[in-house]
């Protein structure tokens, strides 16, 4: 979903769904196949144009603080906030 609040401000909503998938467990001498559970993430990017040459950007990922793994035993970030500035000279 994309909402343009004005010519200078934009808010976006992204839904990411990853279904169950196979992986391998290398934690012991016998490699076993495991199935990682499905997960859904909600991501909110936004941008606000302050001047013709300056834009502020931000993003909230994993809004509901879901614990998940994309690869077995590799941690992922929980709720995360990002901010940035785009400067066009």
PDB file of N, CA and C in Angstrom:
ATOM      1  N   UNK A   1       0.838  -1.169   0.000  1.00  0.00           N
ATOM      2  CA  UNK A   1       0.000   0.000   0.000  1.00  0.00           C
ATOM      3  C   UNK A   1       0.884   1.233   0.000  1.00  0.00           C
ATOM      4  N   UNK A   2       0.475   2.216  -0.717  1.00  0.00           N
ATOM      5  CA  UNK A   2       1.229   3.447  -0.793  1.00  0.00           C
ATOM      6  C   UNK A   2       0.273   4.618  -0.622  1.00  0.00           C
ATOM      7  N   UNK A   3       0.566   5.501   0.338  1.00  0.00           N
ATOM      8  CA  UNK A   3      -0.256   6.682   0.569  1.00  0.00           C
ATOM      9  C   UNK A   3       0.594   7.921   0.362  1.00  0.00           C
ATOM     10  N   UNK A   4       0.148   8.776  -0.531  1.00  0.00           N
ATOM     11  CA  UNK A   4       0.823  10.048  -0.734  1.00  0.00           C
ATOM     12  C   UNK A   4       0.015  11.096   0.018  1.00  0.00           C
ATOM     13  N   UNK A   5       0.514  11.499   1.175  1.00  0.00           N
ATOM     14  CA  UNK A   5      -0.210  12.443   2.021  1.00  0.00           C
ATOM     15  C   UNK A   5      -0.201  13.846   1.436  1.00  0.00           C
ATOM     16  N   UNK A   6       0.861  14.183   0.734  1.00  0.00           N
ATOM     17  CA  UNK A   6       0.964  15.451  -0.003  1.00  0.00           C
ATOM     18  C   UNK A   6       1.987  15.228  -1.103  1.00  0.00           C
ATOM     19  N   UNK A   7       2.284  16.259  -1.859  1.00  0.00           N
ATOM     20  CA  UNK A   7       3.308  16.119  -2.896  1.00  0.00           C
ATOM     21  C   UNK A   7       4.684  15.845  -2.296  1.00  0.00           C
ATOM     22  N   UNK A   8       4.856  16.192  -1.024  1.00  0.00           N
ATOM     23  CA  UNK A   8       6.153  16.084  -0.389  1.00  0.00           C
ATOM     24  C   UNK A   8       6.267  14.939   0.617  1.00  0.00           C
ATOM     25  N   UNK A   9       5.158  14.294   0.975  1.00  0.00           N
ATOM     26  CA  UNK A   9       5.213  13.240   1.996  1.00  0.00           C
ATOM     27  C   UNK A   9       4.555  11.963   1.498  1.00  0.00           C
ATOM     28  N   UNK A  10       5.233  10.859   1.722  1.00  0.00           N
ATOM     29  CA  UNK A  10       4.771   9.557   1.257  1.00  0.00           C
ATOM     30  C   UNK A  10       4.967   8.534   2.361  1.00  0.00           C
ATOM     31  N   UNK A  11       3.944   7.738   2.613  1.00  0.00           N
ATOM     32  CA  UNK A  11       4.007   6.636   3.580  1.00  0.00           C
ATOM     33  C   UNK A  11       3.659   5.361   2.843  1.00  0.00           C
ATOM     34  N   UNK A  12       4.332   4.287   3.204  1.00  0.00           N
ATOM     35  CA  UNK A  12       4.176   3.026   2.514  1.00  0.00           C
ATOM     36  C   UNK A  12       3.981   1.930   3.546  1.00  0.00           C
ATOM     37  N   UNK A  13       3.273   0.885   3.210  1.00  0.00           N
ATOM     38  CA  UNK A  13       3.132  -0.285   4.073  1.00  0.00           C
ATOM     39  C   UNK A  13       3.442  -1.517   3.241  1.00  0.00           C
ATOM     40  N   UNK A  14       4.342  -2.333   3.755  1.00  0.00           N
ATOM     41  CA  UNK A  14       4.735  -3.548   3.047  1.00  0.00           C
ATOM     42  C   UNK A  14       4.517  -4.741   3.963  1.00  0.00           C
ATOM     43  N   UNK A  15       3.951  -5.773   3.420  1.00  0.00           N
ATOM     44  CA  UNK A  15       3.730  -7.013   4.150  1.00  0.00           C
ATOM     45  C   UNK A  15       4.592  -8.088   3.498  1.00  0.00           C
ATOM     46  N   UNK A  16       5.458  -8.703   4.278  1.00  0.00           N
ATOM     47  CA  UNK A  16       6.342  -9.748   3.754  1.00  0.00           C
ATOM     48  C   UNK A  16       5.983 -11.070   4.416  1.00  0.00           C
ATOM     49  N   UNK A  17       5.603 -12.040   3.604  1.00  0.00           N
ATOM     50  CA  UNK A  17       5.283 -13.373   4.106  1.00  0.00           C
ATOM     51  C   UNK A  17       6.296 -14.363   3.548  1.00  0.00           C
ATOM     52  N   UNK A  18       6.852 -15.160   4.425  1.00  0.00           N
ATOM     53  CA  UNK A  18       7.788 -16.216   4.025  1.00  0.00           C
ATOM     54  C   UNK A  18       7.213 -17.526   4.559  1.00  0.00           C
ATOM     55  N   UNK A  19       6.903 -18.450   3.675  1.00  0.00           N
ATOM     56  CA  UNK A  19       6.301 -19.720   4.072  1.00  0.00           C
ATOM     57  C   UNK A  19       7.315 -20.675   4.678  1.00  0.00           C
ATOM     58  N   UNK A  20       6.829 -21.814   5.129  1.00  0.00           N
ATOM     59  CA  UNK A  20       7.725 -22.841   5.663  1.00  0.00           C
ATOM     60  C   UNK A  20       8.724 -23.249   4.590  1.00  0.00           C
ATOM     61  N   UNK A  21       9.955 -23.514   5.018  1.00  0.00           N
ATOM     62  CA  UNK A  21      10.978 -23.910   4.057  1.00  0.00           C
ATOM     63  C   UNK A  21      11.971 -24.852   4.722  1.00  0.00           C
ATOM     64  N   UNK A  22      12.614 -25.668   3.912  1.00  0.00           N
ATOM     65  CA  UNK A  22      13.581 -26.645   4.398  1.00  0.00           C
ATOM     66  C   UNK A  22      14.940 -25.998   4.619  1.00  0.00           C
ATOM     67  N   UNK A  23      15.648 -26.496   5.617  1.00  0.00           N
ATOM     68  CA  UNK A  23      17.015 -26.073   5.899  1.00  0.00           C
ATOM     69  C   UNK A  23      17.762 -27.279   6.444  1.00  0.00           C
ATOM     70  N   UNK A  24      19.045 -27.144   6.669  1.00  0.00           N
ATOM     71  CA  UNK A  24      19.849 -28.237   7.217  1.00  0.00           C
ATOM     72  C   UNK A  24      20.450 -27.791   8.533  1.00  0.00           C
ATOM     73  N   UNK A  25      20.464 -28.716   9.495  1.00  0.00           N
ATOM     74  CA  UNK A  25      21.029 -28.465  10.816  1.00  0.00           C
ATOM     75  C   UNK A  25      22.423 -29.077  10.851  1.00  0.00           C
ATOM     76  N   UNK A  26      23.457 -28.233  10.867  1.00  0.00           N
ATOM     77  CA  UNK A  26      24.842 -28.694  10.883  1.00  0.00           C
ATOM     78  C   UNK A  26      25.433 -28.637  12.291  1.00  0.00           C
ATOM     79  N   UNK A  27      24.607 -28.560  13.325  1.00  0.00           N
ATOM     80  CA  UNK A  27      25.112 -28.360  14.681  1.00  0.00           C
ATOM     81  C   UNK A  27      25.756 -29.614  15.288  1.00  0.00           C
ATOM     82  N   UNK A  28      25.564 -30.777  14.683  1.00  0.00           N
ATOM     83  CA  UNK A  28      26.230 -31.977  15.182  1.00  0.00           C
ATOM     84  C   UNK A  28      26.808 -32.747  13.987  1.00  0.00           C
ATOM     85  N   UNK A  29      27.358 -33.914  14.224  1.00  0.00           N
ATOM     86  CA  UNK A  29      28.035 -34.662  13.167  1.00  0.00           C
ATOM     87  C   UNK A  29      27.084 -35.252  12.135  1.00  0.00           C
ATOM     88  N   UNK A  30      25.845 -35.446  12.506  1.00  0.00           N
ATOM     89  CA  UNK A  30      24.844 -35.978  11.577  1.00  0.00           C
ATOM     90  C   UNK A  30      23.991 -34.804  11.084  1.00  0.00           C
ATOM     91  N   UNK A  31      24.080 -34.491   9.812  1.00  0.00           N
ATOM     92  CA  UNK A  31      23.316 -33.376   9.239  1.00  0.00           C
ATOM     93  C   UNK A  31      21.859 -33.804   9.120  1.00  0.00           C
ATOM     94  N   UNK A  32      20.995 -32.998   9.709  1.00  0.00           N
ATOM     95  CA  UNK A  32      19.569 -33.307   9.676  1.00  0.00           C
ATOM     96  C   UNK A  32      18.826 -32.215   8.921  1.00  0.00           C
ATOM     97  N   UNK A  33      17.800 -32.629   8.223  1.00  0.00           N
ATOM     98  CA  UNK A  33      16.928 -31.658   7.556  1.00  0.00           C
ATOM     99  C   UNK A  33      15.893 -31.177   8.575  1.00  0.00           C
ATOM    100  N   UNK A  34      15.680 -29.881   8.580  1.00  0.00           N
ATOM    101  CA  UNK A  34      14.679 -29.292   9.479  1.00  0.00           C
ATOM    102  C   UNK A  34      13.787 -28.377   8.651  1.00  0.00           C
ATOM    103  N   UNK A  35      12.654 -28.061   9.203  1.00  0.00           N
ATOM    104  CA  UNK A  35      11.740 -27.149   8.523  1.00  0.00           C
ATOM    105  C   UNK A  35      11.591 -25.885   9.370  1.00  0.00           C
ATOM    106  N   UNK A  36      11.925 -24.761   8.774  1.00  0.00           N
ATOM    107  CA  UNK A  36      11.782 -23.485   9.463  1.00  0.00           C
ATOM    108  C   UNK A  36      10.338 -23.013   9.351  1.00  0.00           C
ATOM    109  N   UNK A  37       9.800 -22.448  10.418  1.00  0.00           N
ATOM    110  CA  UNK A  37       8.394 -22.022  10.385  1.00  0.00           C
ATOM    111  C   UNK A  37       8.184 -20.778   9.521  1.00  0.00           C
ATOM    112  N   UNK A  38       6.973 -20.592   9.102  1.00  0.00           N
ATOM    113  CA  UNK A  38       6.592 -19.414   8.314  1.00  0.00           C
ATOM    114  C   UNK A  38       6.602 -18.176   9.210  1.00  0.00           C
ATOM    115  N   UNK A  39       6.774 -17.007   8.594  1.00  0.00           N
ATOM    116  CA  UNK A  39       6.683 -15.759   9.345  1.00  0.00           C
ATOM    117  C   UNK A  39       6.154 -14.653   8.445  1.00  0.00           C
ATOM    118  N   UNK A  40       5.598 -13.638   9.082  1.00  0.00           N
ATOM    119  CA  UNK A  40       5.065 -12.468   8.383  1.00  0.00           C
ATOM    120  C   UNK A  40       5.629 -11.225   9.047  1.00  0.00           C
ATOM    121  N   UNK A  41       6.142 -10.310   8.243  1.00  0.00           N
ATOM    122  CA  UNK A  41       6.702  -9.062   8.756  1.00  0.00           C
ATOM    123  C   UNK A  41       5.938  -7.878   8.175  1.00  0.00           C
ATOM    124  N   UNK A  42       5.822  -6.829   8.966  1.00  0.00           N
ATOM    125  CA  UNK A  42       5.197  -5.588   8.520  1.00  0.00           C
ATOM    126  C   UNK A  42       6.266  -4.499   8.513  1.00  0.00           C
ATOM    127  N   UNK A  43       6.411  -3.826   7.380  1.00  0.00           N
ATOM    128  CA  UNK A  43       7.460  -2.828   7.178  1.00  0.00           C
ATOM    129  C   UNK A  43       6.798  -1.512   6.763  1.00  0.00           C
ATOM    130  N   UNK A  44       7.216  -0.420   7.393  1.00  0.00           N
ATOM    131  CA  UNK A  44       6.677   0.907   7.088  1.00  0.00           C
ATOM    132  C   UNK A  44       7.784   1.867   6.667  1.00  0.00           C
ATOM    133  N   UNK A  45       8.013   2.040   5.362  1.00  0.00           N
ATOM    134  CA  UNK A  45       8.929   3.095   4.921  1.00  0.00           C
ATOM    135  C   UNK A  45       8.180   4.424   4.746  1.00  0.00           C
ATOM    136  N   UNK A  46       8.867   5.521   4.954  1.00  0.00           N
ATOM    137  CA  UNK A  46       8.263   6.824   4.722  1.00  0.00           C
ATOM    138  C   UNK A  46       9.334   7.801   4.246  1.00  0.00           C
ATOM    139  N   UNK A  47       8.887   8.852   3.589  1.00  0.00           N
ATOM    140  CA  UNK A  47       9.809   9.898   3.140  1.00  0.00           C
ATOM    141  C   UNK A  47       9.084  11.229   3.181  1.00  0.00           C
ATOM    142  N   UNK A  48       9.865  12.257   3.452  1.00  0.00           N
ATOM    143  CA  UNK A  48       9.307  13.596   3.538  1.00  0.00           C
ATOM    144  C   UNK A  48      10.284  14.559   2.887  1.00  0.00           C
ATOM    145  N   UNK A  49       9.835  15.220   1.837  1.00  0.00           N
ATOM    146  CA  UNK A  49      10.672  16.187   1.126  1.00  0.00           C
ATOM    147  C   UNK A  49      10.558  17.526   1.844  1.00  0.00           C
ATOM    148  N   UNK A  50      11.677  17.983   2.400  1.00  0.00           N
ATOM    149  CA  UNK A  50      11.697  19.235   3.155  1.00  0.00           C
ATOM    150  C   UNK A  50      11.897  20.423   2.212  1.00  0.00           C
ATOM    151  N   UNK A  51      12.915  20.330   1.379  1.00  0.00           N
ATOM    152  CA  UNK A  51      13.208  21.331   0.352  1.00  0.00           C
ATOM    153  C   UNK A  51      13.382  20.597  -0.966  1.00  0.00           C
ATOM    154  N   UNK A  52      13.569  21.322  -2.049  1.00  0.00           N
ATOM    155  CA  UNK A  52      13.756  20.675  -3.354  1.00  0.00           C
ATOM    156  C   UNK A  52      15.029  19.833  -3.386  1.00  0.00           C
ATOM    157  N   UNK A  53      15.960  20.104  -2.510  1.00  0.00           N
ATOM    158  CA  UNK A  53      17.242  19.387  -2.482  1.00  0.00           C
ATOM    159  C   UNK A  53      17.414  18.487  -1.253  1.00  0.00           C
ATOM    160  N   UNK A  54      16.444  18.461  -0.338  1.00  0.00           N
ATOM    161  CA  UNK A  54      16.592  17.713   0.919  1.00  0.00           C
ATOM    162  C   UNK A  54      15.374  16.835   1.186  1.00  0.00           C
ATOM    163  N   UNK A  55      15.628  15.535   1.393  1.00  0.00           N
ATOM    164  CA  UNK A  55      14.555  14.601   1.702  1.00  0.00           C
ATOM    165  C   UNK A  55      14.946  13.768   2.926  1.00  0.00           C
ATOM    166  N   UNK A  56      14.029  13.661   3.874  1.00  0.00           N
ATOM    167  CA  UNK A  56      14.220  12.796   5.038  1.00  0.00           C
ATOM    168  C   UNK A  56      13.532  11.462   4.767  1.00  0.00           C
ATOM    169  N   UNK A  57      14.189  10.377   5.118  1.00  0.00           N
ATOM    170  CA  UNK A  57      13.611   9.052   4.925  1.00  0.00           C
ATOM    171  C   UNK A  57      13.657   8.289   6.244  1.00  0.00           C
ATOM    172  N   UNK A  58      12.770   7.355   6.386  1.00  0.00           N
ATOM    173  CA  UNK A  58      12.744   6.513   7.573  1.00  0.00           C
ATOM    174  C   UNK A  58      12.056   5.199   7.271  1.00  0.00           C
ATOM    175  N   UNK A  59      12.296   4.235   8.143  1.00  0.00           N
ATOM    176  CA  UNK A  59      11.695   2.915   7.934  1.00  0.00           C
ATOM    177  C   UNK A  59      11.609   2.198   9.283  1.00  0.00           C
ATOM    178  N   UNK A  60      10.493   1.548   9.512  1.00  0.00           N
ATOM    179  CA  UNK A  60      10.323   0.659  10.659  1.00  0.00           C
ATOM    180  C   UNK A  60      10.144  -0.737  10.092  1.00  0.00           C
ATOM    181  N   UNK A  61      11.005  -1.656  10.489  1.00  0.00           N
ATOM    182  CA  UNK A  61      10.901  -3.042  10.026  1.00  0.00           C
ATOM    183  C   UNK A  61      10.501  -3.929  11.195  1.00  0.00           C
ATOM    184  N   UNK A  62       9.748  -4.968  10.904  1.00  0.00           N
ATOM    185  CA  UNK A  62       9.293  -5.935  11.905  1.00  0.00           C
ATOM    186  C   UNK A  62       8.509  -5.210  13.003  1.00  0.00           C
ATOM    187  N   UNK A  63       7.506  -4.491  12.593  1.00  0.00           N
ATOM    188  CA  UNK A  63       6.737  -3.629  13.496  1.00  0.00           C
ATOM    189  C   UNK A  63       6.218  -4.362  14.729  1.00  0.00           C
ATOM    190  N   UNK A  64       5.781  -5.601  14.591  1.00  0.00           N
ATOM    191  CA  UNK A  64       5.208  -6.339  15.716  1.00  0.00           C
ATOM    192  C   UNK A  64       6.247  -7.161  16.469  1.00  0.00           C
ATOM    193  N   UNK A  65       7.540  -6.922  16.199  1.00  0.00           N
ATOM    194  CA  UNK A  65       8.640  -7.526  16.941  1.00  0.00           C
ATOM    195  C   UNK A  65       8.598  -9.054  16.913  1.00  0.00           C
ATOM    196  N   UNK A  66       8.358  -9.603  15.744  1.00  0.00           N
ATOM    197  CA  UNK A  66       8.269 -11.054  15.550  1.00  0.00           C
ATOM    198  C   UNK A  66       9.653 -11.686  15.594  1.00  0.00           C
ATOM    199  N   UNK A  67       9.820 -12.759  16.360  1.00  0.00           N
ATOM    200  CA  UNK A  67      11.074 -13.497  16.387  1.00  0.00           C
ATOM    201  C   UNK A  67      11.027 -14.533  15.266  1.00  0.00           C
ATOM    202  N   UNK A  68      12.032 -14.504  14.382  1.00  0.00           N
ATOM    203  CA  UNK A  68      12.028 -15.397  13.223  1.00  0.00           C
ATOM    204  C   UNK A  68      13.460 -15.683  12.798  1.00  0.00           C
ATOM    205  N   UNK A  69      13.627 -16.704  11.964  1.00  0.00           N
ATOM    206  CA  UNK A  69      14.927 -17.057  11.400  1.00  0.00           C
ATOM    207  C   UNK A  69      14.765 -17.261   9.904  1.00  0.00           C
ATOM    208  N   UNK A  70      15.629 -16.617   9.124  1.00  0.00           N
ATOM    209  CA  UNK A  70      15.645 -16.868   7.688  1.00  0.00           C
ATOM    210  C   UNK A  70      16.537 -18.066   7.381  1.00  0.00           C
ATOM    211  N   UNK A  71      17.571 -18.243   8.191  1.00  0.00           N
ATOM    212  CA  UNK A  71      18.491 -19.384   8.108  1.00  0.00           C
ATOM    213  C   UNK A  71      18.628 -19.924   9.524  1.00  0.00           C
ATOM    214  N   UNK A  72      18.629 -21.232   9.684  1.00  0.00           N
ATOM    215  CA  UNK A  72      18.676 -21.867  11.002  1.00  0.00           C
ATOM    216  C   UNK A  72      19.878 -21.382  11.808  1.00  0.00           C
ATOM    217  N   UNK A  73      19.640 -20.947  13.042  1.00  0.00           N
ATOM    218  CA  UNK A  73      20.633 -20.490  14.018  1.00  0.00           C
ATOM    219  C   UNK A  73      21.283 -19.151  13.674  1.00  0.00           C
ATOM    220  N   UNK A  74      20.825 -18.465  12.648  1.00  0.00           N
ATOM    221  CA  UNK A  74      21.323 -17.127  12.348  1.00  0.00           C
ATOM    222  C   UNK A  74      20.275 -16.134  12.821  1.00  0.00           C
ATOM    223  N   UNK A  75      20.631 -15.342  13.783  1.00  0.00           N
ATOM    224  CA  UNK A  75      19.691 -14.398  14.352  1.00  0.00           C
ATOM    225  C   UNK A  75      19.299 -13.300  13.376  1.00  0.00           C
ATOM    226  N   UNK A  76      18.133 -12.771  13.545  1.00  0.00           N
ATOM    227  CA  UNK A  76      17.652 -11.643  12.753  1.00  0.00           C
ATOM    228  C   UNK A  76      17.284 -10.520  13.709  1.00  0.00           C
ATOM    229  N   UNK A  77      17.248  -9.324  13.196  1.00  0.00           N
ATOM    230  CA  UNK A  77      16.893  -8.179  14.027  1.00  0.00           C
ATOM    231  C   UNK A  77      15.426  -8.244  14.417  1.00  0.00           C
ATOM    232  N   UNK A  78      15.142  -7.762  15.592  1.00  0.00           N
ATOM    233  CA  UNK A  78      13.753  -7.668  16.013  1.00  0.00           C
ATOM    234  C   UNK A  78      13.201  -6.366  15.417  1.00  0.00           C
ATOM    235  N   UNK A  79      12.436  -5.610  16.141  1.00  0.00           N
ATOM    236  CA  UNK A  79      11.911  -4.347  15.615  1.00  0.00           C
ATOM    237  C   UNK A  79      13.092  -3.409  15.378  1.00  0.00           C
ATOM    238  N   UNK A  80      13.141  -2.809  14.193  1.00  0.00           N
ATOM    239  CA  UNK A  80      14.282  -1.967  13.823  1.00  0.00           C
ATOM    240  C   UNK A  80      13.792  -0.638  13.257  1.00  0.00           C
ATOM    241  N   UNK A  81      14.539   0.418  13.555  1.00  0.00           N
ATOM    242  CA  UNK A  81      14.233   1.757  13.067  1.00  0.00           C
ATOM    243  C   UNK A  81      15.426   2.271  12.268  1.00  0.00           C
ATOM    244  N   UNK A  82      15.157   2.855  11.118  1.00  0.00           N
ATOM    245  CA  UNK A  82      16.204   3.409  10.262  1.00  0.00           C
ATOM    246  C   UNK A  82      15.810   4.825   9.868  1.00  0.00           C
ATOM    247  N   UNK A  83      16.798   5.690   9.754  1.00  0.00           N
ATOM    248  CA  UNK A  83      16.558   7.059   9.318  1.00  0.00           C
ATOM    249  C   UNK A  83      17.675   7.485   8.382  1.00  0.00           C
ATOM    250  N   UNK A  84      17.347   8.373   7.451  1.00  0.00           N
ATOM    251  CA  UNK A  84      18.356   8.839   6.513  1.00  0.00           C
ATOM    252  C   UNK A  84      18.016  10.203   5.958  1.00  0.00           C
ATOM    253  N   UNK A  85      19.015  10.785   5.331  1.00  0.00           N
ATOM    254  CA  UNK A  85      18.867  12.088   4.679  1.00  0.00           C
ATOM    255  C   UNK A  85      19.387  11.961   3.254  1.00  0.00           C
ATOM    256  N   UNK A  86      18.600  12.386   2.294  1.00  0.00           N
ATOM    257  CA  UNK A  86      19.033  12.455   0.894  1.00  0.00           C
ATOM    258  C   UNK A  86      19.246  13.913   0.543  1.00  0.00           C
ATOM    259  N   UNK A  87      20.451  14.220   0.093  1.00  0.00           N
ATOM    260  CA  UNK A  87      20.796  15.578  -0.253  1.00  0.00           C
ATOM    261  C   UNK A  87      21.211  15.616  -1.715  1.00  0.00           C
ATOM    262  N   UNK A  88      20.478  16.362  -2.531  1.00  0.00           N
ATOM    263  CA  UNK A  88      20.779  16.513  -3.963  1.00  0.00           C
ATOM    264  C   UNK A  88      21.343  17.903  -4.211  1.00  0.00           C
ATOM    265  N   UNK A  89      22.591  17.940  -4.602  1.00  0.00           N
ATOM    266  CA  UNK A  89      23.227  19.245  -4.852  1.00  0.00           C
ATOM    267  C   UNK A  89      23.277  19.546  -6.330  1.00  0.00           C
TER     268      UNK A  89
END
